[in-house]
């Protein structure tokens, strides 16, 4: 299911343009030197991937704990349902139950520190901007984190979120490198595809958890156990 992370990142990057695009466009990069600019943008992305990897590690450990408790199939079904809920429930409704509310003060500090980094032009500042950017609240990142939980492994959780981040790099880089590279009408049409793709990915997780004995898509209970714990038969 790791491939769903990359697909998820590619399609959600169109959402990222609206949410994180302004941050990317404000990056304190050297716009007179193309080579240096590309290097600086990569530093920014490395910071984001680091943040996503850290989140993936935490939620991967959580998923592993649930697997060890014997919830592997139910967990996959739950993850799929939650992914679908995140895209079909109106955003205004989700805000009422924002996961960030319990750590609102921490998020405020992240935003404050992020603003301070834009005044600097050093390589570490660009990395830090990306790192802090990765921790900002985002509904699609939350949905991706459910995918990391379903990996039932800390390493696969990291891999899932890093692949998700890699999927967002092309569009986020284009925001900085090319002005007006995509028209608003085109972006709006692509935005309409996001819920469809997320629902498809969520459905894959649900089918996977049903254990229909379909190779690679919906393995039976025994296969799920062996996949998540490959050393159990040694």
C-alpha atoms as a PDB file:
ATOM      1  CA  UNK A   1       0.000   0.000   0.000  1.00  0.00           C
ATOM      2  CA  UNK A   2       3.029   2.300  -0.002  1.00  0.00           C
ATOM      3  CA  UNK A   3       2.284   3.331  -3.583  1.00  0.00           C
ATOM      4  CA  UNK A   4      -0.911   5.017  -2.387  1.00  0.00           C
ATOM      5  CA  UNK A   5       1.226   7.493  -0.426  1.00  0.00           C
ATOM      6  CA  UNK A   6       2.941   8.798  -3.564  1.00  0.00           C
ATOM      7  CA  UNK A   7      -0.362   9.030  -5.432  1.00  0.00           C
ATOM      8  CA  UNK A   8      -1.927  10.731  -2.422  1.00  0.00           C
ATOM      9  CA  UNK A   9       0.902  13.285  -2.333  1.00  0.00           C
ATOM     10  CA  UNK A  10       0.708  14.016  -6.072  1.00  0.00           C
ATOM     11  CA  UNK A  11      -3.016  14.732  -6.044  1.00  0.00           C
ATOM     12  CA  UNK A  12      -3.058  16.582  -2.719  1.00  0.00           C
ATOM     13  CA  UNK A  13      -0.233  18.870  -3.899  1.00  0.00           C
ATOM     14  CA  UNK A  14      -2.885  20.877  -5.754  1.00  0.00           C
ATOM     15  CA  UNK A  15      -4.472  21.524  -2.378  1.00  0.00           C
ATOM     16  CA  UNK A  16      -1.016  22.365  -0.988  1.00  0.00           C
ATOM     17  CA  UNK A  17      -0.654  25.149  -3.566  1.00  0.00           C
ATOM     18  CA  UNK A  18      -3.493  27.021  -1.915  1.00  0.00           C
ATOM     19  CA  UNK A  19      -2.526  26.231   1.679  1.00  0.00           C
ATOM     20  CA  UNK A  20       1.285  26.241   1.613  1.00  0.00           C
ATOM     21  CA  UNK A  21       1.907  27.935  -1.742  1.00  0.00           C
ATOM     22  CA  UNK A  22       2.193  31.398  -0.159  1.00  0.00           C
ATOM     23  CA  UNK A  23       4.887  30.069   2.189  1.00  0.00           C
ATOM     24  CA  UNK A  24       6.807  28.577  -0.741  1.00  0.00           C
ATOM     25  CA  UNK A  25       6.565  31.801  -2.752  1.00  0.00           C
ATOM     26  CA  UNK A  26       7.898  33.809   0.200  1.00  0.00           C
ATOM     27  CA  UNK A  27      10.994  31.642   0.671  1.00  0.00           C
ATOM     28  CA  UNK A  28      14.126  33.785   1.184  1.00  0.00           C
ATOM     29  CA  UNK A  29      15.959  32.297  -1.799  1.00  0.00           C
ATOM     30  CA  UNK A  30      18.487  33.757  -4.224  1.00  0.00           C
ATOM     31  CA  UNK A  31      16.397  34.321  -7.355  1.00  0.00           C
ATOM     32  CA  UNK A  32      19.348  35.635  -9.372  1.00  0.00           C
ATOM     33  CA  UNK A  33      21.215  32.318  -9.350  1.00  0.00           C
ATOM     34  CA  UNK A  34      19.220  29.416 -10.819  1.00  0.00           C
ATOM     35  CA  UNK A  35      21.499  26.666  -9.476  1.00  0.00           C
ATOM     36  CA  UNK A  36      21.557  28.130  -5.994  1.00  0.00           C
ATOM     37  CA  UNK A  37      17.797  28.644  -6.095  1.00  0.00           C
ATOM     38  CA  UNK A  38      17.168  24.978  -6.908  1.00  0.00           C
ATOM     39  CA  UNK A  39      19.489  23.907  -4.076  1.00  0.00           C
ATOM     40  CA  UNK A  40      17.695  26.199  -1.634  1.00  0.00           C
ATOM     41  CA  UNK A  41      14.278  24.870  -2.682  1.00  0.00           C
ATOM     42  CA  UNK A  42      15.540  21.317  -2.123  1.00  0.00           C
ATOM     43  CA  UNK A  43      16.620  22.298   1.394  1.00  0.00           C
ATOM     44  CA  UNK A  44      13.083  23.547   2.040  1.00  0.00           C
ATOM     45  CA  UNK A  45      11.636  20.257   0.791  1.00  0.00           C
ATOM     46  CA  UNK A  46      14.133  18.274   2.872  1.00  0.00           C
ATOM     47  CA  UNK A  47      12.790  20.073   5.932  1.00  0.00           C
ATOM     48  CA  UNK A  48       9.216  19.155   5.010  1.00  0.00           C
ATOM     49  CA  UNK A  49      10.150  15.526   4.380  1.00  0.00           C
ATOM     50  CA  UNK A  50      11.904  15.410   7.756  1.00  0.00           C
ATOM     51  CA  UNK A  51       8.749  16.674   9.478  1.00  0.00           C
ATOM     52  CA  UNK A  52       6.571  14.156   7.633  1.00  0.00           C
ATOM     53  CA  UNK A  53       9.017  11.367   8.472  1.00  0.00           C
ATOM     54  CA  UNK A  54       8.896  12.256  12.166  1.00  0.00           C
ATOM     55  CA  UNK A  55       5.093  12.222  12.096  1.00  0.00           C
ATOM     56  CA  UNK A  56       5.175   8.925  10.205  1.00  0.00           C
ATOM     57  CA  UNK A  57       7.454   7.434  12.856  1.00  0.00           C
ATOM     58  CA  UNK A  58       5.095   8.385  15.683  1.00  0.00           C
ATOM     59  CA  UNK A  59       1.943   7.168  13.935  1.00  0.00           C
ATOM     60  CA  UNK A  60       3.721   4.076  12.612  1.00  0.00           C
ATOM     61  CA  UNK A  61       4.578   3.129  16.196  1.00  0.00           C
ATOM     62  CA  UNK A  62       0.932   3.722  17.126  1.00  0.00           C
ATOM     63  CA  UNK A  63      -0.175   1.456  14.274  1.00  0.00           C
ATOM     64  CA  UNK A  64       2.310  -1.233  15.329  1.00  0.00           C
ATOM     65  CA  UNK A  65       0.901  -1.168  18.840  1.00  0.00           C
ATOM     66  CA  UNK A  66      -2.620  -1.638  17.497  1.00  0.00           C
ATOM     67  CA  UNK A  67      -1.398  -4.502  15.294  1.00  0.00           C
ATOM     68  CA  UNK A  68       0.220  -6.256  18.253  1.00  0.00           C
ATOM     69  CA  UNK A  69      -3.098  -5.891  20.053  1.00  0.00           C
ATOM     70  CA  UNK A  70      -4.702  -7.894  17.221  1.00  0.00           C
ATOM     71  CA  UNK A  71      -6.528  -5.112  15.389  1.00  0.00           C
ATOM     72  CA  UNK A  72      -4.745  -5.352  12.013  1.00  0.00           C
ATOM     73  CA  UNK A  73      -7.826  -5.908   9.832  1.00  0.00           C
ATOM     74  CA  UNK A  74     -10.161  -3.642  11.787  1.00  0.00           C
ATOM     75  CA  UNK A  75      -7.433  -0.981  11.752  1.00  0.00           C
ATOM     76  CA  UNK A  76      -7.188  -1.025   7.950  1.00  0.00           C
ATOM     77  CA  UNK A  77     -10.974  -0.695   7.628  1.00  0.00           C
ATOM     78  CA  UNK A  78     -11.034   2.125  10.202  1.00  0.00           C
ATOM     79  CA  UNK A  79      -8.239   3.962   8.357  1.00  0.00           C
ATOM     80  CA  UNK A  80     -10.088   3.724   5.055  1.00  0.00           C
ATOM     81  CA  UNK A  81     -13.296   5.046   6.605  1.00  0.00           C
ATOM     82  CA  UNK A  82     -11.480   7.962   8.260  1.00  0.00           C
ATOM     83  CA  UNK A  83      -9.762   8.920   4.983  1.00  0.00           C
ATOM     84  CA  UNK A  84     -13.134   9.049   3.247  1.00  0.00           C
ATOM     85  CA  UNK A  85     -14.704  11.053   6.081  1.00  0.00           C
ATOM     86  CA  UNK A  86     -11.943  13.652   5.840  1.00  0.00           C
ATOM     87  CA  UNK A  87     -12.830  14.439   2.226  1.00  0.00           C
ATOM     88  CA  UNK A  88     -16.629  14.134   2.242  1.00  0.00           C
ATOM     89  CA  UNK A  89     -17.328  16.066   5.453  1.00  0.00           C
ATOM     90  CA  UNK A  90     -17.368  19.849   4.813  1.00  0.00           C
ATOM     91  CA  UNK A  91     -14.206  21.553   6.009  1.00  0.00           C
ATOM     92  CA  UNK A  92     -16.223  23.918   8.226  1.00  0.00           C
ATOM     93  CA  UNK A  93     -17.519  20.897  10.131  1.00  0.00           C
ATOM     94  CA  UNK A  94     -14.049  19.416  10.537  1.00  0.00           C
ATOM     95  CA  UNK A  95     -12.737  22.693  11.952  1.00  0.00           C
ATOM     96  CA  UNK A  96     -15.080  22.215  14.908  1.00  0.00           C
ATOM     97  CA  UNK A  97     -13.173  19.022  15.737  1.00  0.00           C
ATOM     98  CA  UNK A  98      -9.727  20.231  14.672  1.00  0.00           C
ATOM     99  CA  UNK A  99      -7.026  17.866  15.983  1.00  0.00           C
ATOM    100  CA  UNK A 100      -4.833  20.912  16.525  1.00  0.00           C
ATOM    101  CA  UNK A 101      -7.030  22.473  19.206  1.00  0.00           C
ATOM    102  CA  UNK A 102      -5.454  20.514  22.102  1.00  0.00           C
ATOM    103  CA  UNK A 103      -2.014  21.780  21.027  1.00  0.00           C
ATOM    104  CA  UNK A 104      -3.095  25.224  19.819  1.00  0.00           C
ATOM    105  CA  UNK A 105      -0.410  27.001  21.829  1.00  0.00           C
ATOM    106  CA  UNK A 106       2.275  24.804  20.316  1.00  0.00           C
ATOM    107  CA  UNK A 107       0.964  25.470  16.793  1.00  0.00           C
ATOM    108  CA  UNK A 108       1.003  29.210  17.545  1.00  0.00           C
ATOM    109  CA  UNK A 109       4.657  28.969  18.561  1.00  0.00           C
ATOM    110  CA  UNK A 110       5.450  27.039  15.371  1.00  0.00           C
ATOM    111  CA  UNK A 111       3.832  29.792  13.277  1.00  0.00           C
ATOM    112  CA  UNK A 112       5.687  32.491  15.210  1.00  0.00           C
ATOM    113  CA  UNK A 113       9.040  30.765  14.776  1.00  0.00           C
ATOM    114  CA  UNK A 114       8.242  30.157  11.111  1.00  0.00           C
ATOM    115  CA  UNK A 115       7.704  33.871  10.538  1.00  0.00           C
ATOM    116  CA  UNK A 116      11.065  34.665  12.134  1.00  0.00           C
ATOM    117  CA  UNK A 117      12.883  32.304   9.762  1.00  0.00           C
ATOM    118  CA  UNK A 118      11.788  34.293   6.690  1.00  0.00           C
ATOM    119  CA  UNK A 119      14.035  37.144   7.841  1.00  0.00           C
ATOM    120  CA  UNK A 120      17.082  34.914   7.430  1.00  0.00           C
ATOM    121  CA  UNK A 121      18.667  33.632   4.213  1.00  0.00           C
ATOM    122  CA  UNK A 122      20.956  30.918   5.528  1.00  0.00           C
ATOM    123  CA  UNK A 123      20.617  27.257   4.448  1.00  0.00           C
ATOM    124  CA  UNK A 124      19.509  26.209   7.923  1.00  0.00           C
ATOM    125  CA  UNK A 125      16.705  28.793   7.796  1.00  0.00           C
ATOM    126  CA  UNK A 126      15.304  27.229   4.605  1.00  0.00           C
ATOM    127  CA  UNK A 127      15.475  23.765   6.152  1.00  0.00           C
ATOM    128  CA  UNK A 128      13.768  25.057   9.307  1.00  0.00           C
ATOM    129  CA  UNK A 129      11.009  26.735   7.278  1.00  0.00           C
ATOM    130  CA  UNK A 130      10.300  23.432   5.576  1.00  0.00           C
ATOM    131  CA  UNK A 131      10.429  21.556   8.885  1.00  0.00           C
ATOM    132  CA  UNK A 132       7.974  23.905  10.573  1.00  0.00           C
ATOM    133  CA  UNK A 133       5.790  24.014   7.467  1.00  0.00           C
ATOM    134  CA  UNK A 134       5.458  20.224   7.677  1.00  0.00           C
ATOM    135  CA  UNK A 135       4.018  20.455  11.190  1.00  0.00           C
ATOM    136  CA  UNK A 136       1.318  22.996  10.310  1.00  0.00           C
ATOM    137  CA  UNK A 137      -2.271  21.655  10.484  1.00  0.00           C
ATOM    138  CA  UNK A 138      -3.580  20.236   7.180  1.00  0.00           C
ATOM    139  CA  UNK A 139      -6.576  17.986   6.618  1.00  0.00           C
ATOM    140  CA  UNK A 140      -4.911  15.972   3.850  1.00  0.00           C
ATOM    141  CA  UNK A 141      -1.804  15.409   5.972  1.00  0.00           C
ATOM    142  CA  UNK A 142      -4.100  14.111   8.700  1.00  0.00           C
ATOM    143  CA  UNK A 143      -5.620  11.710   6.164  1.00  0.00           C
ATOM    144  CA  UNK A 144      -2.134  10.564   5.099  1.00  0.00           C
ATOM    145  CA  UNK A 145      -1.263   9.931   8.743  1.00  0.00           C
ATOM    146  CA  UNK A 146      -4.085   7.414   8.930  1.00  0.00           C
ATOM    147  CA  UNK A 147      -2.294   5.639   6.098  1.00  0.00           C
ATOM    148  CA  UNK A 148       0.900   5.650   8.173  1.00  0.00           C
ATOM    149  CA  UNK A 149      -1.004   4.060  11.053  1.00  0.00           C
ATOM    150  CA  UNK A 150      -2.264   1.331   8.728  1.00  0.00           C
ATOM    151  CA  UNK A 151       1.336   0.412   7.818  1.00  0.00           C
ATOM    152  CA  UNK A 152       1.577  -1.136  11.327  1.00  0.00           C
ATOM    153  CA  UNK A 153       5.342  -0.509  11.418  1.00  0.00           C
ATOM    154  CA  UNK A 154       7.456   2.453  12.471  1.00  0.00           C
ATOM    155  CA  UNK A 155       9.749   2.159   9.422  1.00  0.00           C
ATOM    156  CA  UNK A 156       6.875   1.749   6.976  1.00  0.00           C
ATOM    157  CA  UNK A 157       5.092   4.637   8.701  1.00  0.00           C
ATOM    158  CA  UNK A 158       8.114   6.837   8.010  1.00  0.00           C
ATOM    159  CA  UNK A 159       8.299   5.559   4.416  1.00  0.00           C
ATOM    160  CA  UNK A 160       4.592   6.258   3.858  1.00  0.00           C
ATOM    161  CA  UNK A 161       4.818   9.870   4.985  1.00  0.00           C
ATOM    162  CA  UNK A 162       8.116  10.530   3.180  1.00  0.00           C
ATOM    163  CA  UNK A 163       6.621   9.187  -0.054  1.00  0.00           C
ATOM    164  CA  UNK A 164       3.579  11.387   0.547  1.00  0.00           C
ATOM    165  CA  UNK A 165       5.902  14.376   0.893  1.00  0.00           C
ATOM    166  CA  UNK A 166       7.854  13.429  -2.242  1.00  0.00           C
ATOM    167  CA  UNK A 167       4.570  13.378  -4.143  1.00  0.00           C
ATOM    168  CA  UNK A 168       3.977  17.039  -3.262  1.00  0.00           C
ATOM    169  CA  UNK A 169       7.438  18.229  -4.368  1.00  0.00           C
ATOM    170  CA  UNK A 170       6.828  18.754  -8.127  1.00  0.00           C
ATOM    171  CA  UNK A 171       3.890  21.133  -7.715  1.00  0.00           C
ATOM    172  CA  UNK A 172       5.321  22.920  -4.686  1.00  0.00           C
ATOM    173  CA  UNK A 173       8.598  23.467  -6.561  1.00  0.00           C
ATOM    174  CA  UNK A 174       6.756  24.757  -9.601  1.00  0.00           C
ATOM    175  CA  UNK A 175       5.085  27.393  -7.413  1.00  0.00           C
ATOM    176  CA  UNK A 176       8.521  28.843  -6.681  1.00  0.00           C
ATOM    177  CA  UNK A 177      10.218  28.268 -10.046  1.00  0.00           C
ATOM    178  CA  UNK A 178       7.428  29.219 -12.437  1.00  0.00           C
ATOM    179  CA  UNK A 179       4.949  32.035 -11.898  1.00  0.00           C
ATOM    180  CA  UNK A 180       1.376  31.491 -13.036  1.00  0.00           C
ATOM    181  CA  UNK A 181       2.270  27.993 -14.215  1.00  0.00           C
ATOM    182  CA  UNK A 182      -1.333  26.804 -13.908  1.00  0.00           C
ATOM    183  CA  UNK A 183      -4.534  28.781 -14.296  1.00  0.00           C
ATOM    184  CA  UNK A 184      -7.134  29.005 -11.550  1.00  0.00           C
ATOM    185  CA  UNK A 185      -9.862  27.229 -13.595  1.00  0.00           C
ATOM    186  CA  UNK A 186      -7.537  24.283 -14.295  1.00  0.00           C
ATOM    187  CA  UNK A 187      -6.519  24.109 -10.637  1.00  0.00           C
ATOM    188  CA  UNK A 188     -10.162  24.167  -9.564  1.00  0.00           C
ATOM    189  CA  UNK A 189     -10.960  21.254 -11.876  1.00  0.00           C
ATOM    190  CA  UNK A 190      -8.051  19.273 -10.449  1.00  0.00           C
ATOM    191  CA  UNK A 191      -9.162  20.152  -6.913  1.00  0.00           C
ATOM    192  CA  UNK A 192     -12.430  18.353  -7.655  1.00  0.00           C
ATOM    193  CA  UNK A 193     -10.450  15.181  -8.344  1.00  0.00           C
ATOM    194  CA  UNK A 194      -8.860  15.170  -4.887  1.00  0.00           C
ATOM    195  CA  UNK A 195     -11.900  13.759  -3.025  1.00  0.00           C
ATOM    196  CA  UNK A 196     -12.330  11.074  -5.716  1.00  0.00           C
ATOM    197  CA  UNK A 197      -8.707   9.922  -5.428  1.00  0.00           C
ATOM    198  CA  UNK A 198      -8.789   9.949  -1.619  1.00  0.00           C
ATOM    199  CA  UNK A 199     -12.043   7.966  -1.605  1.00  0.00           C
ATOM    200  CA  UNK A 200     -10.437   5.400  -3.937  1.00  0.00           C
ATOM    201  CA  UNK A 201      -7.401   5.121  -1.647  1.00  0.00           C
ATOM    202  CA  UNK A 202      -9.650   4.863   1.412  1.00  0.00           C
ATOM    203  CA  UNK A 203     -11.666   2.156  -0.331  1.00  0.00           C
ATOM    204  CA  UNK A 204      -8.455   0.214  -1.011  1.00  0.00           C
ATOM    205  CA  UNK A 205      -7.656   0.235   2.707  1.00  0.00           C
ATOM    206  CA  UNK A 206     -11.189  -0.943   3.512  1.00  0.00           C
ATOM    207  CA  UNK A 207     -11.001  -3.779   0.967  1.00  0.00           C
ATOM    208  CA  UNK A 208      -7.542  -4.696   2.293  1.00  0.00           C
ATOM    209  CA  UNK A 209      -8.941  -4.989   5.811  1.00  0.00           C
ATOM    210  CA  UNK A 210     -11.799  -7.229   4.675  1.00  0.00           C
ATOM    211  CA  UNK A 211      -9.367 -10.071   3.967  1.00  0.00           C
ATOM    212  CA  UNK A 212     -10.964 -11.193   0.698  1.00  0.00           C
ATOM    213  CA  UNK A 213      -7.917 -13.303  -0.219  1.00  0.00           C
ATOM    214  CA  UNK A 214      -7.083 -11.148  -3.264  1.00  0.00           C
ATOM    215  CA  UNK A 215      -3.265 -11.124  -3.742  1.00  0.00           C
ATOM    216  CA  UNK A 216      -1.610  -7.730  -3.058  1.00  0.00           C
ATOM    217  CA  UNK A 217      -4.990  -6.014  -2.644  1.00  0.00           C
ATOM    218  CA  UNK A 218      -6.928  -7.860   0.062  1.00  0.00           C
ATOM    219  CA  UNK A 219      -4.857 -10.693   1.584  1.00  0.00           C
ATOM    220  CA  UNK A 220      -6.508 -13.021   4.055  1.00  0.00           C
ATOM    221  CA  UNK A 221      -5.895 -12.755   7.793  1.00  0.00           C
ATOM    222  CA  UNK A 222      -2.877 -15.081   7.747  1.00  0.00           C
ATOM    223  CA  UNK A 223      -1.213 -13.113   4.946  1.00  0.00           C
ATOM    224  CA  UNK A 224      -1.739  -9.850   6.805  1.00  0.00           C
ATOM    225  CA  UNK A 225      -0.002 -11.248   9.866  1.00  0.00           C
ATOM    226  CA  UNK A 226       2.960 -12.548   7.845  1.00  0.00           C
ATOM    227  CA  UNK A 227       3.310  -9.239   5.942  1.00  0.00           C
ATOM    228  CA  UNK A 228       3.349  -7.204   9.135  1.00  0.00           C
ATOM    229  CA  UNK A 229       5.644  -9.629  10.982  1.00  0.00           C
ATOM    230  CA  UNK A 230       7.831 -11.374   8.360  1.00  0.00           C
ATOM    231  CA  UNK A 231      10.048 -13.029  10.992  1.00  0.00           C
ATOM    232  CA  UNK A 232       7.232 -14.896  12.692  1.00  0.00           C
ATOM    233  CA  UNK A 233       7.785 -18.069  10.651  1.00  0.00           C
ATOM    234  CA  UNK A 234      11.558 -18.267  11.036  1.00  0.00           C
END
